[in-house]
């Protein structure tokens, strides 16, 4: 298994989408690349993200990125849907240098590469979100989500725990 951290705005929808993808074996709502070790009172530079474990024999890293780009506006800086602020920025974070190289190449080969503002950075810090944020849209399906319902269920073939 391999792990990547995907930030695409509010983590509730990102987790709901990612966990249905073929090859994804586990997800966890969290925050990436902040400046503290806790989320006590502020986000301190964190991006909301989903820790995504996947089986590369089932889904390639590039295919996983293709799925991810279906649910984000890659041109929007610090905003996805109605969610605004640094914590809602888009990003691809990993401790695997190969993932980062592949993500940069994936973006570079896009026709619109010069407009894409998705961060591609080494994971420097990760904090798991509180239990109330784990699988939030499953428990509270009427909560706000910037991802259209049709995309949240498009690949509903897989539901890891």
Protein backbone atom coordinates (compact mmCIF):
# COMPACT_ATOMS: atom_id res chain seq x y z
CA UNK A 1 0.00 0.00 0.00
CA UNK A 2 1.01 3.61 -0.60
CA UNK A 3 -0.17 6.79 1.12
CA UNK A 4 -0.80 10.31 -0.17
CA UNK A 5 -2.49 13.29 1.48
CA UNK A 6 -5.03 15.08 -0.73
CA UNK A 7 -6.31 18.56 0.10
CA UNK A 8 -9.30 19.71 -1.91
CA UNK A 9 -11.25 22.16 0.20
CA UNK A 10 -13.54 20.92 2.94
CA UNK A 11 -12.31 17.46 3.89
CA UNK A 12 -15.80 16.00 4.39
CA UNK A 13 -16.54 15.83 0.68
CA UNK A 14 -13.01 14.87 -0.30
CA UNK A 15 -13.12 11.91 2.07
CA UNK A 16 -16.60 10.87 0.90
CA UNK A 17 -15.41 10.91 -2.72
CA UNK A 18 -11.96 9.37 -2.30
CA UNK A 19 -13.12 6.44 -0.20
CA UNK A 20 -15.33 5.23 -3.09
CA UNK A 21 -12.50 5.04 -5.61
CA UNK A 22 -11.19 1.72 -6.91
CA UNK A 23 -7.95 0.77 -5.18
CA UNK A 24 -8.42 3.04 -2.16
CA UNK A 25 -8.10 0.88 0.94
CA UNK A 26 -8.43 3.44 3.77
CA UNK A 27 -9.06 7.13 4.36
CA UNK A 28 -8.69 9.46 7.33
CA UNK A 29 -9.73 13.09 7.67
CA UNK A 30 -6.92 15.32 8.85
CA UNK A 31 -4.81 18.45 8.40
CA UNK A 32 -1.48 18.73 6.59
CA UNK A 33 1.59 20.93 6.77
CA UNK A 34 0.72 23.17 9.68
CA UNK A 35 3.10 24.77 12.10
CA UNK A 36 1.94 23.13 15.34
CA UNK A 37 1.37 19.57 16.57
CA UNK A 38 -2.26 20.10 17.58
CA UNK A 39 -5.41 21.77 16.32
CA UNK A 40 -6.31 23.31 19.67
CA UNK A 41 -7.63 26.73 18.68
CA UNK A 42 -6.58 27.51 15.13
CA UNK A 43 -5.45 25.87 11.97
CA UNK A 44 -1.92 27.38 12.13
CA UNK A 45 -1.23 26.99 8.42
CA UNK A 46 -2.83 23.58 8.01
CA UNK A 47 -4.69 22.46 4.89
CA UNK A 48 -7.70 20.23 5.38
CA UNK A 49 -6.79 16.92 3.75
CA UNK A 50 -7.59 13.25 3.48
CA UNK A 51 -4.91 10.69 4.25
CA UNK A 52 -5.45 8.23 1.41
CA UNK A 53 -4.05 4.71 1.41
CA UNK A 54 -4.25 2.97 -1.95
CA UNK A 55 -3.15 -0.18 -3.69
CA UNK A 56 -1.00 0.81 -6.70
CA UNK A 57 -1.71 -2.56 -8.35
CA UNK A 58 -5.37 -1.53 -8.57
CA UNK A 59 -5.13 2.23 -9.15
CA UNK A 60 -2.03 4.03 -10.37
CA UNK A 61 -0.95 7.21 -8.66
CA UNK A 62 -1.63 9.13 -11.87
CA UNK A 63 -5.16 7.70 -12.07
CA UNK A 64 -5.74 8.64 -8.43
CA UNK A 65 -4.71 12.21 -9.30
CA UNK A 66 -7.08 12.20 -12.29
CA UNK A 67 -9.94 11.27 -9.98
CA UNK A 68 -8.89 13.96 -7.49
CA UNK A 69 -8.84 16.65 -10.19
CA UNK A 70 -12.49 15.81 -10.99
CA UNK A 71 -13.59 17.27 -7.64
CA UNK A 72 -11.40 20.35 -7.31
CA UNK A 73 -11.13 23.70 -9.02
CA UNK A 74 -7.37 23.62 -9.61
CA UNK A 75 -7.26 27.36 -10.46
CA UNK A 76 -8.81 28.59 -7.22
CA UNK A 77 -6.38 29.71 -4.53
CA UNK A 78 -7.55 29.09 -0.95
CA UNK A 79 -11.15 28.51 -2.01
CA UNK A 80 -13.29 25.56 -3.03
CA UNK A 81 -17.01 26.11 -3.40
CA UNK A 82 -18.24 28.37 -0.58
CA UNK A 83 -15.28 27.45 1.64
CA UNK A 84 -12.72 30.26 1.73
CA UNK A 85 -9.38 30.50 3.52
CA UNK A 86 -5.89 29.03 3.60
CA UNK A 87 -7.15 25.82 5.22
CA UNK A 88 -9.25 25.14 2.09
CA UNK A 89 -6.32 25.28 -0.34
CA UNK A 90 -5.73 22.42 -2.72
CA UNK A 91 -2.66 20.26 -2.36
CA UNK A 92 -0.95 16.95 -2.88
CA UNK A 93 1.36 16.04 -0.01
CA UNK A 94 3.52 12.97 0.44
CA UNK A 95 6.59 11.61 2.20
CA UNK A 96 7.40 9.74 -1.04
CA UNK A 97 9.56 11.85 -3.37
CA UNK A 98 8.36 9.76 -6.31
CA UNK A 99 4.76 10.78 -5.62
CA UNK A 100 5.76 14.44 -5.64
CA UNK A 101 7.68 14.04 -8.90
CA UNK A 102 4.73 12.24 -10.48
CA UNK A 103 2.29 14.89 -9.25
CA UNK A 104 4.42 17.70 -10.71
CA UNK A 105 4.65 15.81 -14.02
CA UNK A 106 0.88 15.19 -13.99
CA UNK A 107 0.22 18.92 -13.63
CA UNK A 108 2.96 19.94 -16.10
CA UNK A 109 1.46 17.89 -18.91
CA UNK A 110 -1.93 19.57 -18.57
CA UNK A 111 -2.78 22.17 -21.22
CA UNK A 112 -3.68 24.57 -18.41
CA UNK A 113 -0.62 23.85 -16.25
CA UNK A 114 0.35 27.51 -15.89
CA UNK A 115 -3.02 28.26 -14.27
CA UNK A 116 -3.00 25.37 -11.75
CA UNK A 117 -2.43 26.50 -8.13
CA UNK A 118 -2.48 23.06 -6.48
CA UNK A 119 0.38 22.74 -3.98
CA UNK A 120 2.71 19.79 -4.46
CA UNK A 121 4.86 19.56 -1.36
CA UNK A 122 6.53 17.09 0.98
CA UNK A 123 4.36 16.24 3.97
CA UNK A 124 6.00 18.00 6.91
CA UNK A 125 3.27 17.63 9.52
CA UNK A 126 -0.03 15.78 9.79
CA UNK A 127 -2.71 15.84 12.48
CA UNK A 128 -5.73 13.53 12.45
CA UNK A 129 -9.02 15.39 12.66
CA UNK A 130 -11.40 14.88 15.55
CA UNK A 131 -13.75 11.90 15.38
CA UNK A 132 -16.69 14.18 14.53
CA UNK A 133 -15.00 14.95 11.18
CA UNK A 134 -14.30 11.33 10.21
CA UNK A 135 -16.77 10.14 7.54
CA UNK A 136 -18.90 13.20 8.33
CA UNK A 137 -21.08 13.10 5.21
CA UNK A 138 -22.05 9.49 5.87
CA UNK A 139 -23.46 10.48 9.26
CA UNK A 140 -24.77 13.90 8.19
CA UNK A 141 -25.58 13.67 4.47
CA UNK A 142 -27.36 17.04 4.45
CA UNK A 143 -24.29 18.97 5.62
CA UNK A 144 -22.82 21.43 3.14
CA UNK A 145 -20.42 19.98 0.59
CA UNK A 146 -18.84 21.78 -2.35
CA UNK A 147 -18.65 18.56 -4.37
CA UNK A 148 -21.80 17.74 -6.37
CA UNK A 149 -23.68 14.64 -5.19
CA UNK A 150 -23.28 13.09 -8.65
CA UNK A 151 -19.50 13.08 -8.19
CA UNK A 152 -19.69 11.80 -4.62
CA UNK A 153 -21.39 8.65 -5.89
CA UNK A 154 -19.81 8.38 -9.37
CA UNK A 155 -17.31 5.67 -8.37
CA UNK A 156 -19.18 4.13 -5.46
CA UNK A 157 -17.60 0.69 -5.90
CA UNK A 158 -15.41 0.66 -2.83
CA UNK A 159 -16.10 1.65 0.76
CA UNK A 160 -13.07 1.15 3.04
CA UNK A 161 -13.36 1.70 6.75
